[in-house]
Amino acid sequence: MLSSDDIAELAGAICATAETLGQTISATAAKLMAEDLSVYPPADIRKALQACRRELTGKLTLSAVLQRIDAEDGRPGKDEAWAIAMTTNDEFETVVLTDEIQLALAAAKPVLDAGDKVGARMAFISAYERLVGQAREDKKHVNWHVSVGFDANRRTQAITKAVQMQRIPQERAQQYLADLSVAPVTEDGRAVVALLTGEVARPSPKLREKLAAVKDSMLAMRQASAEEKTELRILAANELADRRALLIQQAEQLEARSAAQ
C-alpha cells in the first residue's frame, strides 16, 4: 500500500503520462486513479504507465493501466495456458503449471475425455479466464508448481527452464531436483547402458546372467501378440488416467482451500 506522499507522486506521474498522450487529467481524477492503483507494487505501476505511454493511441484510462499491471503478474495468456495444460497428457513429461491452469483443466476434463478437443479448449479458456480474473481481483500472487513426470531427464529440463523463466525460485527447484542426483557409474552400470546402446562393456558374471534375462525379455516383448500389445496400451492409458485423476484431486483441494479463505 502506498503512502500519502507516494500517492501524490503517482498522481503526478499519471498527469504526465496523460500529457504525453495529448490528454489533460485533473488533479482530482489523477488522485483517484492513484488511490485505486495504490494496492499494487510500485514497480508494476511504473512499468504499466511506461507501457501506456508507448502503446496507447487514445486516452489514458484506469482500465488501460490495470490491464498492463495484470500482464506483469506472471500468469500466462490463455493460449499458452492451454498448451501447458495439454502437456499433462504425456505421463513422462514434467509440467510446471499454475493453480488456475490446473483448475481450468479439471473443468474441461469431461469434454476432453469425450474426445471433443475443440470444445475442451473452449471450456478450458472460459474457466481459465474466469479463474485468472478472480485471482487478480483478489490480488493473489501467481503460484507455479510442478507435476512430476516419469522421465528424470525431462524433469531436470522442465524445472531448469521454469527457473530461467522465473516461474519457480532457485530454492524450490533445488528441492525438486534433490531426488535426481546420479550415483557414480560402475562397470556393471556401464554394462546395462551397453545393452541399450551396443557399446562394448565387461559386466560381472552375476550381472551377465541378469542381462541375458533382460535381453530375452526384450526379445519376447518384440514378439508379443497383438493381444498382449493391446494390454500394454491399456496399461499406459490407465497410467495417464491416474495422472489426470491426481491433477483433478489437487485441483479440488485448491478449490476447497480457496473456499475456506
C-alpha atoms as a PDB file:
ATOM      1  CA  MET A   1       0.000   0.000   0.000  1.00  0.00           C
ATOM      2  CA  LEU A   2       1.391   3.383  -0.993  1.00  0.00           C
ATOM      3  CA  SER A   3       1.778   6.219   1.479  1.00  0.00           C
ATOM      4  CA  SER A   4       0.093   9.615   1.025  1.00  0.00           C
ATOM      5  CA  ASP A   5       3.299  11.061  -0.402  1.00  0.00           C
ATOM      6  CA  ASP A   6       3.648   8.113  -2.785  1.00  0.00           C
ATOM      7  CA  ILE A   7       0.056   8.559  -3.964  1.00  0.00           C
ATOM      8  CA  ALA A   8       0.682  12.251  -4.617  1.00  0.00           C
ATOM      9  CA  GLU A   9       3.804  11.393  -6.599  1.00  0.00           C
ATOM     10  CA  LEU A  10       1.911   8.735  -8.549  1.00  0.00           C
ATOM     11  CA  ALA A  11      -0.857  11.223  -9.352  1.00  0.00           C
ATOM     12  CA  GLY A  12       1.788  13.485 -10.852  1.00  0.00           C
ATOM     13  CA  ALA A  13       3.124  10.608 -12.953  1.00  0.00           C
ATOM     14  CA  ILE A  14      -0.405   9.874 -14.170  1.00  0.00           C
ATOM     15  CA  CYS A  15      -0.885  13.504 -15.232  1.00  0.00           C
ATOM     16  CA  ALA A  16       2.470  13.465 -17.026  1.00  0.00           C
ATOM     17  CA  THR A  17       1.627  10.209 -18.800  1.00  0.00           C
ATOM     18  CA  ALA A  18      -1.705  11.639 -19.933  1.00  0.00           C
ATOM     19  CA  GLU A  19       0.077  14.711 -21.317  1.00  0.00           C
ATOM     20  CA  THR A  20       2.359  12.543 -23.455  1.00  0.00           C
ATOM     21  CA  LEU A  21      -0.817  11.125 -24.992  1.00  0.00           C
ATOM     22  CA  GLY A  22      -2.237  14.563 -25.718  1.00  0.00           C
ATOM     23  CA  GLN A  23      -4.677  14.426 -22.826  1.00  0.00           C
ATOM     24  CA  THR A  24      -5.274  16.553 -19.753  1.00  0.00           C
ATOM     25  CA  ILE A  25      -6.382  14.943 -16.486  1.00  0.00           C
ATOM     26  CA  SER A  26      -7.494  16.974 -13.499  1.00  0.00           C
ATOM     27  CA  ALA A  27      -5.581  16.666 -10.248  1.00  0.00           C
ATOM     28  CA  THR A  28      -8.668  15.175  -8.601  1.00  0.00           C
ATOM     29  CA  ALA A  29      -9.072  12.483 -11.260  1.00  0.00           C
ATOM     30  CA  ALA A  30      -5.358  11.663 -11.142  1.00  0.00           C
ATOM     31  CA  LYS A  31      -5.511  11.340  -7.351  1.00  0.00           C
ATOM     32  CA  LEU A  32      -8.472   8.962  -7.586  1.00  0.00           C
ATOM     33  CA  MET A  33      -6.627   6.818 -10.130  1.00  0.00           C
ATOM     34  CA  ALA A  34      -3.534   6.828  -7.928  1.00  0.00           C
ATOM     35  CA  GLU A  35      -5.562   5.683  -4.921  1.00  0.00           C
ATOM     36  CA  ASP A  36      -7.069   2.829  -6.941  1.00  0.00           C
ATOM     37  CA  LEU A  37      -3.599   1.787  -8.084  1.00  0.00           C
ATOM     38  CA  SER A  38      -2.004   2.111  -4.647  1.00  0.00           C
ATOM     39  CA  VAL A  39      -2.640  -1.563  -3.784  1.00  0.00           C
ATOM     40  CA  TYR A  40      -0.230  -2.710  -6.495  1.00  0.00           C
ATOM     41  CA  PRO A  41       3.577  -2.880  -6.275  1.00  0.00           C
ATOM     42  CA  PRO A  42       5.164   0.447  -7.291  1.00  0.00           C
ATOM     43  CA  ALA A  43       7.429  -1.251  -9.829  1.00  0.00           C
ATOM     44  CA  ASP A  44       4.428  -2.789 -11.603  1.00  0.00           C
ATOM     45  CA  ILE A  45       2.663   0.589 -11.702  1.00  0.00           C
ATOM     46  CA  ARG A  46       5.714   2.278 -13.216  1.00  0.00           C
ATOM     47  CA  LYS A  47       6.021  -0.409 -15.887  1.00  0.00           C
ATOM     48  CA  ALA A  48       2.316  -0.144 -16.681  1.00  0.00           C
ATOM     49  CA  LEU A  49       2.459   3.638 -17.102  1.00  0.00           C
ATOM     50  CA  GLN A  50       5.526   3.288 -19.294  1.00  0.00           C
ATOM     51  CA  ALA A  51       3.708   0.704 -21.423  1.00  0.00           C
ATOM     52  CA  CYS A  52       0.738   3.064 -21.720  1.00  0.00           C
ATOM     53  CA  ARG A  53       2.984   5.856 -22.983  1.00  0.00           C
ATOM     54  CA  ARG A  54       4.446   3.541 -25.601  1.00  0.00           C
ATOM     55  CA  GLU A  55       1.347   1.657 -26.680  1.00  0.00           C
ATOM     56  CA  LEU A  56      -1.784   3.758 -26.240  1.00  0.00           C
ATOM     57  CA  THR A  57      -3.080   5.823 -29.115  1.00  0.00           C
ATOM     58  CA  GLY A  58      -6.176   7.016 -27.278  1.00  0.00           C
ATOM     59  CA  LYS A  59      -6.894   8.345 -23.818  1.00  0.00           C
ATOM     60  CA  LEU A  60      -5.231   7.127 -20.648  1.00  0.00           C
ATOM     61  CA  THR A  61      -7.745   5.213 -18.525  1.00  0.00           C
ATOM     62  CA  LEU A  62      -7.573   3.286 -15.293  1.00  0.00           C
ATOM     63  CA  SER A  63      -8.570   0.156 -17.202  1.00  0.00           C
ATOM     64  CA  ALA A  64      -5.631   0.544 -19.586  1.00  0.00           C
ATOM     65  CA  VAL A  65      -3.205   0.792 -16.676  1.00  0.00           C
ATOM     66  CA  LEU A  66      -4.748  -2.193 -14.881  1.00  0.00           C
ATOM     67  CA  GLN A  67      -4.561  -4.351 -17.999  1.00  0.00           C
ATOM     68  CA  ARG A  68      -0.841  -3.745 -18.188  1.00  0.00           C
ATOM     69  CA  ILE A  69      -0.347  -4.388 -14.489  1.00  0.00           C
ATOM     70  CA  ASP A  70      -2.169  -7.698 -14.859  1.00  0.00           C
ATOM     71  CA  ALA A  71       0.114  -8.647 -17.726  1.00  0.00           C
ATOM     72  CA  GLU A  72       3.058  -8.379 -15.317  1.00  0.00           C
ATOM     73  CA  ASP A  73       1.694 -10.830 -12.730  1.00  0.00           C
ATOM     74  CA  GLY A  74       3.373 -13.846 -14.320  1.00  0.00           C
ATOM     75  CA  ARG A  75       0.237 -15.697 -15.396  1.00  0.00           C
ATOM     76  CA  PRO A  76       0.398 -16.967 -18.986  1.00  0.00           C
ATOM     77  CA  GLY A  77      -2.145 -15.972 -21.601  1.00  0.00           C
ATOM     78  CA  LYS A  78      -4.977 -18.323 -22.472  1.00  0.00           C
ATOM     79  CA  ASP A  79      -3.249 -19.900 -25.484  1.00  0.00           C
ATOM     80  CA  GLU A  80      -0.019 -20.601 -23.624  1.00  0.00           C
ATOM     81  CA  ALA A  81      -2.015 -21.904 -20.668  1.00  0.00           C
ATOM     82  CA  TRP A  82      -3.860 -24.358 -22.928  1.00  0.00           C
ATOM     83  CA  ALA A  83      -0.578 -25.559 -24.424  1.00  0.00           C
ATOM     84  CA  ILE A  84       0.810 -26.138 -20.926  1.00  0.00           C
ATOM     85  CA  ALA A  85      -2.350 -27.994 -19.916  1.00  0.00           C
ATOM     86  CA  MET A  86      -2.093 -30.321 -22.914  1.00  0.00           C
ATOM     87  CA  THR A  87       1.455 -31.253 -21.942  1.00  0.00           C
ATOM     88  CA  THR A  88      -0.005 -33.145 -18.983  1.00  0.00           C
ATOM     89  CA  ASN A  89      -1.307 -35.753 -21.455  1.00  0.00           C
ATOM     90  CA  ASP A  90       2.202 -37.218 -21.563  1.00  0.00           C
ATOM     91  CA  GLU A  91       2.814 -39.052 -18.288  1.00  0.00           C
ATOM     92  CA  PHE A  92       6.570 -38.967 -18.916  1.00  0.00           C
ATOM     93  CA  GLU A  93       6.581 -35.161 -19.171  1.00  0.00           C
ATOM     94  CA  THR A  94       7.182 -32.963 -16.133  1.00  0.00           C
ATOM     95  CA  VAL A  95       4.861 -29.971 -16.274  1.00  0.00           C
ATOM     96  CA  VAL A  96       5.183 -26.669 -14.431  1.00  0.00           C
ATOM     97  CA  LEU A  97       1.723 -25.115 -14.200  1.00  0.00           C
ATOM     98  CA  THR A  98      -0.273 -22.559 -12.236  1.00  0.00           C
ATOM     99  CA  ASP A  99      -3.205 -23.171  -9.920  1.00  0.00           C
ATOM    100  CA  GLU A 100      -5.540 -21.609 -12.493  1.00  0.00           C
ATOM    101  CA  ILE A 101      -4.317 -23.913 -15.273  1.00  0.00           C
ATOM    102  CA  GLN A 102      -4.858 -26.946 -13.077  1.00  0.00           C
ATOM    103  CA  LEU A 103      -8.356 -25.869 -12.050  1.00  0.00           C
ATOM    104  CA  ALA A 104      -9.358 -24.977 -15.615  1.00  0.00           C
ATOM    105  CA  LEU A 105      -8.046 -28.318 -16.884  1.00  0.00           C
ATOM    106  CA  ALA A 106     -10.172 -30.124 -14.315  1.00  0.00           C
ATOM    107  CA  ALA A 107     -13.210 -28.167 -15.511  1.00  0.00           C
ATOM    108  CA  ALA A 108     -12.525 -29.092 -19.143  1.00  0.00           C
ATOM    109  CA  LYS A 109     -11.682 -32.745 -18.479  1.00  0.00           C
ATOM    110  CA  PRO A 110     -15.189 -34.189 -19.077  1.00  0.00           C
ATOM    111  CA  VAL A 111     -15.305 -32.586 -22.523  1.00  0.00           C
ATOM    112  CA  LEU A 112     -11.737 -33.675 -23.267  1.00  0.00           C
ATOM    113  CA  ASP A 113     -12.472 -37.250 -22.200  1.00  0.00           C
ATOM    114  CA  ALA A 114     -15.436 -37.258 -24.578  1.00  0.00           C
ATOM    115  CA  GLY A 115     -12.990 -36.676 -27.429  1.00  0.00           C
ATOM    116  CA  ASP A 116     -14.056 -33.115 -28.233  1.00  0.00           C
ATOM    117  CA  LYS A 117     -10.725 -31.281 -28.177  1.00  0.00           C
ATOM    118  CA  VAL A 118     -12.176 -28.093 -29.677  1.00  0.00           C
ATOM    119  CA  GLY A 119     -14.945 -27.992 -27.099  1.00  0.00           C
ATOM    120  CA  ALA A 120     -12.459 -28.819 -24.351  1.00  0.00           C
ATOM    121  CA  ARG A 121     -10.270 -25.898 -25.382  1.00  0.00           C
ATOM    122  CA  MET A 122     -13.248 -23.545 -25.277  1.00  0.00           C
ATOM    123  CA  ALA A 123     -14.274 -24.854 -21.852  1.00  0.00           C
ATOM    124  CA  PHE A 124     -10.711 -24.560 -20.591  1.00  0.00           C
ATOM    125  CA  ILE A 125     -10.245 -20.988 -21.801  1.00  0.00           C
ATOM    126  CA  SER A 126     -13.595 -19.902 -20.378  1.00  0.00           C
ATOM    127  CA  ALA A 127     -12.741 -21.364 -16.968  1.00  0.00           C
ATOM    128  CA  TYR A 128      -9.156 -20.116 -17.098  1.00  0.00           C
ATOM    129  CA  GLU A 129     -10.079 -16.518 -17.872  1.00  0.00           C
ATOM    130  CA  ARG A 130     -12.667 -16.550 -15.091  1.00  0.00           C
ATOM    131  CA  LEU A 131     -10.210 -18.000 -12.576  1.00  0.00           C
ATOM    132  CA  VAL A 132      -7.425 -15.600 -13.551  1.00  0.00           C
ATOM    133  CA  GLY A 133      -9.800 -12.648 -13.363  1.00  0.00           C
ATOM    134  CA  GLN A 134     -10.918 -13.679  -9.887  1.00  0.00           C
ATOM    135  CA  ALA A 135      -7.349 -14.238  -8.718  1.00  0.00           C
ATOM    136  CA  ARG A 136      -6.306 -10.812  -9.955  1.00  0.00           C
ATOM    137  CA  GLU A 137      -9.325  -9.197  -8.341  1.00  0.00           C
ATOM    138  CA  ASP A 138      -8.382 -10.896  -5.063  1.00  0.00           C
ATOM    139  CA  LYS A 139      -4.754  -9.724  -5.528  1.00  0.00           C
ATOM    140  CA  LYS A 140      -3.455 -13.297  -5.367  1.00  0.00           C
ATOM    141  CA  HIS A 141       0.108 -13.855  -6.472  1.00  0.00           C
ATOM    142  CA  VAL A 142       0.670 -16.433  -9.177  1.00  0.00           C
ATOM    143  CA  ASN A 143       1.591 -19.869  -7.838  1.00  0.00           C
ATOM    144  CA  TRP A 144       3.576 -22.175 -10.119  1.00  0.00           C
ATOM    145  CA  HIS A 145       4.009 -25.786  -9.066  1.00  0.00           C
ATOM    146  CA  VAL A 146       5.466 -28.941 -10.576  1.00  0.00           C
ATOM    147  CA  SER A 147       3.602 -32.028 -11.741  1.00  0.00           C
ATOM    148  CA  VAL A 148       6.391 -34.592 -11.900  1.00  0.00           C
ATOM    149  CA  GLY A 149       6.555 -36.988 -14.842  1.00  0.00           C
ATOM    150  CA  PHE A 150       8.264 -40.362 -15.062  1.00  0.00           C
ATOM    151  CA  ASP A 151      11.227 -39.257 -17.209  1.00  0.00           C
ATOM    152  CA  ALA A 152      14.015 -37.993 -14.929  1.00  0.00           C
ATOM    153  CA  ASN A 153      15.806 -36.139 -17.729  1.00  0.00           C
ATOM    154  CA  ARG A 154      12.656 -34.258 -18.671  1.00  0.00           C
ATOM    155  CA  ARG A 155      12.174 -33.336 -15.023  1.00  0.00           C
ATOM    156  CA  THR A 156      15.549 -31.630 -14.974  1.00  0.00           C
ATOM    157  CA  GLN A 157      14.870 -29.829 -18.253  1.00  0.00           C
ATOM    158  CA  ALA A 158      11.395 -28.638 -17.232  1.00  0.00           C
ATOM    159  CA  ILE A 159      12.453 -27.423 -13.795  1.00  0.00           C
ATOM    160  CA  THR A 160      15.584 -25.712 -15.124  1.00  0.00           C
ATOM    161  CA  LYS A 161      13.506 -23.924 -17.767  1.00  0.00           C
ATOM    162  CA  ALA A 162      10.992 -22.847 -15.116  1.00  0.00           C
ATOM    163  CA  VAL A 163      13.805 -21.288 -13.080  1.00  0.00           C
ATOM    164  CA  GLN A 164      15.163 -19.492 -16.152  1.00  0.00           C
ATOM    165  CA  MET A 165      11.673 -18.107 -16.825  1.00  0.00           C
ATOM    166  CA  GLN A 166      11.445 -17.048 -13.158  1.00  0.00           C
ATOM    167  CA  ARG A 167       8.385 -19.192 -12.583  1.00  0.00           C
ATOM    168  CA  ILE A 168       9.805 -21.021  -9.590  1.00  0.00           C
ATOM    169  CA  PRO A 169      12.636 -19.820  -7.317  1.00  0.00           C
ATOM    170  CA  GLN A 170      16.025 -21.483  -7.315  1.00  0.00           C
ATOM    171  CA  GLU A 171      15.483 -22.860  -3.803  1.00  0.00           C
ATOM    172  CA  ARG A 172      12.318 -24.716  -4.763  1.00  0.00           C
ATOM    173  CA  ALA A 173      13.963 -26.009  -7.916  1.00  0.00           C
ATOM    174  CA  GLN A 174      16.796 -27.470  -5.862  1.00  0.00           C
ATOM    175  CA  GLN A 175      14.263 -29.248  -3.674  1.00  0.00           C
ATOM    176  CA  TYR A 176      12.517 -30.703  -6.708  1.00  0.00           C
ATOM    177  CA  LEU A 177      15.824 -31.854  -8.167  1.00  0.00           C
ATOM    178  CA  ALA A 178      17.223 -33.239  -4.914  1.00  0.00           C
ATOM    179  CA  ASP A 179      15.998 -36.749  -5.735  1.00  0.00           C
ATOM    180  CA  LEU A 180      17.540 -36.690  -9.198  1.00  0.00           C
ATOM    181  CA  SER A 181      21.164 -36.955  -8.116  1.00  0.00           C
ATOM    182  CA  VAL A 182      23.008 -39.677 -10.004  1.00  0.00           C
ATOM    183  CA  ALA A 183      25.311 -42.166  -8.297  1.00  0.00           C
ATOM    184  CA  PRO A 184      28.768 -42.826  -9.812  1.00  0.00           C
ATOM    185  CA  VAL A 185      28.591 -45.222 -12.741  1.00  0.00           C
ATOM    186  CA  THR A 186      30.048 -48.659 -12.013  1.00  0.00           C
ATOM    187  CA  GLU A 187      31.296 -51.227 -14.516  1.00  0.00           C
ATOM    188  CA  ASP A 188      28.004 -53.068 -14.132  1.00  0.00           C
ATOM    189  CA  GLY A 189      26.193 -49.797 -14.750  1.00  0.00           C
ATOM    190  CA  ARG A 190      28.122 -49.299 -17.959  1.00  0.00           C
ATOM    191  CA  ALA A 191      27.174 -52.828 -18.960  1.00  0.00           C
ATOM    192  CA  VAL A 192      23.490 -52.008 -18.535  1.00  0.00           C
ATOM    193  CA  VAL A 193      23.975 -48.984 -20.777  1.00  0.00           C
ATOM    194  CA  ALA A 194      25.826 -51.176 -23.250  1.00  0.00           C
ATOM    195  CA  LEU A 195      22.807 -53.449 -23.501  1.00  0.00           C
ATOM    196  CA  LEU A 196      20.808 -50.462 -24.723  1.00  0.00           C
ATOM    197  CA  THR A 197      23.459 -48.690 -26.812  1.00  0.00           C
ATOM    198  CA  GLY A 198      25.517 -51.550 -28.211  1.00  0.00           C
ATOM    199  CA  GLU A 199      28.778 -50.255 -26.718  1.00  0.00           C
ATOM    200  CA  VAL A 200      31.372 -52.767 -25.521  1.00  0.00           C
ATOM    201  CA  ALA A 201      31.462 -53.388 -21.753  1.00  0.00           C
ATOM    202  CA  ARG A 202      32.558 -56.089 -19.291  1.00  0.00           C
ATOM    203  CA  PRO A 203      29.832 -56.994 -16.814  1.00  0.00           C
ATOM    204  CA  SER A 204      30.439 -59.245 -13.839  1.00  0.00           C
ATOM    205  CA  PRO A 205      29.340 -62.906 -14.210  1.00  0.00           C
ATOM    206  CA  LYS A 206      26.371 -62.309 -11.921  1.00  0.00           C
ATOM    207  CA  LEU A 207      25.212 -59.292 -13.878  1.00  0.00           C
ATOM    208  CA  ARG A 208      25.853 -61.080 -17.176  1.00  0.00           C
ATOM    209  CA  GLU A 209      23.225 -63.612 -16.185  1.00  0.00           C
ATOM    210  CA  LYS A 210      20.746 -60.864 -15.319  1.00  0.00           C
ATOM    211  CA  LEU A 211      21.429 -59.029 -18.568  1.00  0.00           C
ATOM    212  CA  ALA A 212      20.749 -62.180 -20.518  1.00  0.00           C
ATOM    213  CA  ALA A 213      17.373 -62.451 -18.819  1.00  0.00           C
ATOM    214  CA  VAL A 214      16.597 -58.820 -19.624  1.00  0.00           C
ATOM    215  CA  LYS A 215      17.611 -59.331 -23.241  1.00  0.00           C
ATOM    216  CA  ASP A 216      15.385 -62.400 -23.508  1.00  0.00           C
ATOM    217  CA  SER A 217      12.524 -60.387 -22.037  1.00  0.00           C
ATOM    218  CA  MET A 218      13.052 -57.608 -24.580  1.00  0.00           C
ATOM    219  CA  LEU A 219      13.030 -60.118 -27.431  1.00  0.00           C
ATOM    220  CA  ALA A 220       9.853 -61.654 -26.083  1.00  0.00           C
ATOM    221  CA  MET A 221       8.284 -58.206 -25.959  1.00  0.00           C
ATOM    222  CA  ARG A 222       9.059 -57.650 -29.631  1.00  0.00           C
ATOM    223  CA  GLN A 223       7.384 -60.932 -30.462  1.00  0.00           C
ATOM    224  CA  ALA A 224       4.377 -60.244 -28.258  1.00  0.00           C
ATOM    225  CA  SER A 225       0.995 -60.985 -29.720  1.00  0.00           C
ATOM    226  CA  ALA A 226      -1.385 -58.256 -30.782  1.00  0.00           C
ATOM    227  CA  GLU A 227      -3.481 -59.026 -27.711  1.00  0.00           C
ATOM    228  CA  GLU A 228      -0.507 -58.532 -25.372  1.00  0.00           C
ATOM    229  CA  LYS A 229       0.405 -55.266 -27.082  1.00  0.00           C
ATOM    230  CA  THR A 230      -3.166 -54.085 -26.626  1.00  0.00           C
ATOM    231  CA  GLU A 231      -2.877 -54.882 -22.929  1.00  0.00           C
ATOM    232  CA  LEU A 232       0.285 -52.767 -22.751  1.00  0.00           C
ATOM    233  CA  ARG A 233      -1.505 -49.864 -24.419  1.00  0.00           C
ATOM    234  CA  ILE A 234      -4.361 -50.193 -21.946  1.00  0.00           C
ATOM    235  CA  LEU A 235      -1.860 -50.143 -19.086  1.00  0.00           C
ATOM    236  CA  ALA A 236      -0.300 -46.942 -20.443  1.00  0.00           C
ATOM    237  CA  ALA A 237      -3.743 -45.370 -20.814  1.00  0.00           C
ATOM    238  CA  ASN A 238      -4.576 -46.299 -17.227  1.00  0.00           C
ATOM    239  CA  GLU A 239      -1.362 -44.672 -16.013  1.00  0.00           C
ATOM    240  CA  LEU A 240      -2.307 -41.481 -17.877  1.00  0.00           C
ATOM    241  CA  ALA A 241      -5.793 -41.603 -16.359  1.00  0.00           C
ATOM    242  CA  ASP A 242      -4.241 -41.955 -12.900  1.00  0.00           C
ATOM    243  CA  ARG A 243      -2.149 -38.850 -13.508  1.00  0.00           C
ATOM    244  CA  ARG A 244      -5.172 -36.866 -14.651  1.00  0.00           C
ATOM    245  CA  ALA A 245      -7.096 -38.070 -11.601  1.00  0.00           C
ATOM    246  CA  LEU A 246      -4.279 -36.826  -9.369  1.00  0.00           C
ATOM    247  CA  LEU A 247      -4.348 -33.420 -11.060  1.00  0.00           C
ATOM    248  CA  ILE A 248      -8.112 -33.211 -10.567  1.00  0.00           C
ATOM    249  CA  GLN A 249      -7.777 -34.201  -6.925  1.00  0.00           C
ATOM    250  CA  GLN A 250      -5.200 -31.469  -6.418  1.00  0.00           C
ATOM    251  CA  ALA A 251      -7.489 -29.011  -8.205  1.00  0.00           C
ATOM    252  CA  GLU A 252     -10.359 -29.904  -5.883  1.00  0.00           C
ATOM    253  CA  GLN A 253      -8.091 -29.344  -2.894  1.00  0.00           C
ATOM    254  CA  LEU A 254      -7.169 -25.917  -4.281  1.00  0.00           C
ATOM    255  CA  GLU A 255     -10.851 -25.049  -4.666  1.00  0.00           C
ATOM    256  CA  ALA A 256     -11.562 -26.201  -1.121  1.00  0.00           C
ATOM    257  CA  ARG A 257      -8.738 -24.064   0.259  1.00  0.00           C
ATOM    258  CA  SER A 258      -9.941 -21.055  -1.727  1.00  0.00           C
ATOM    259  CA  ALA A 259     -13.493 -21.509  -0.438  1.00  0.00           C
ATOM    260  CA  ALA A 260     -12.240 -21.738   3.141  1.00  0.00           C
ATOM    261  CA  GLN A 261     -10.343 -18.438   2.895  1.00  0.00           C
END
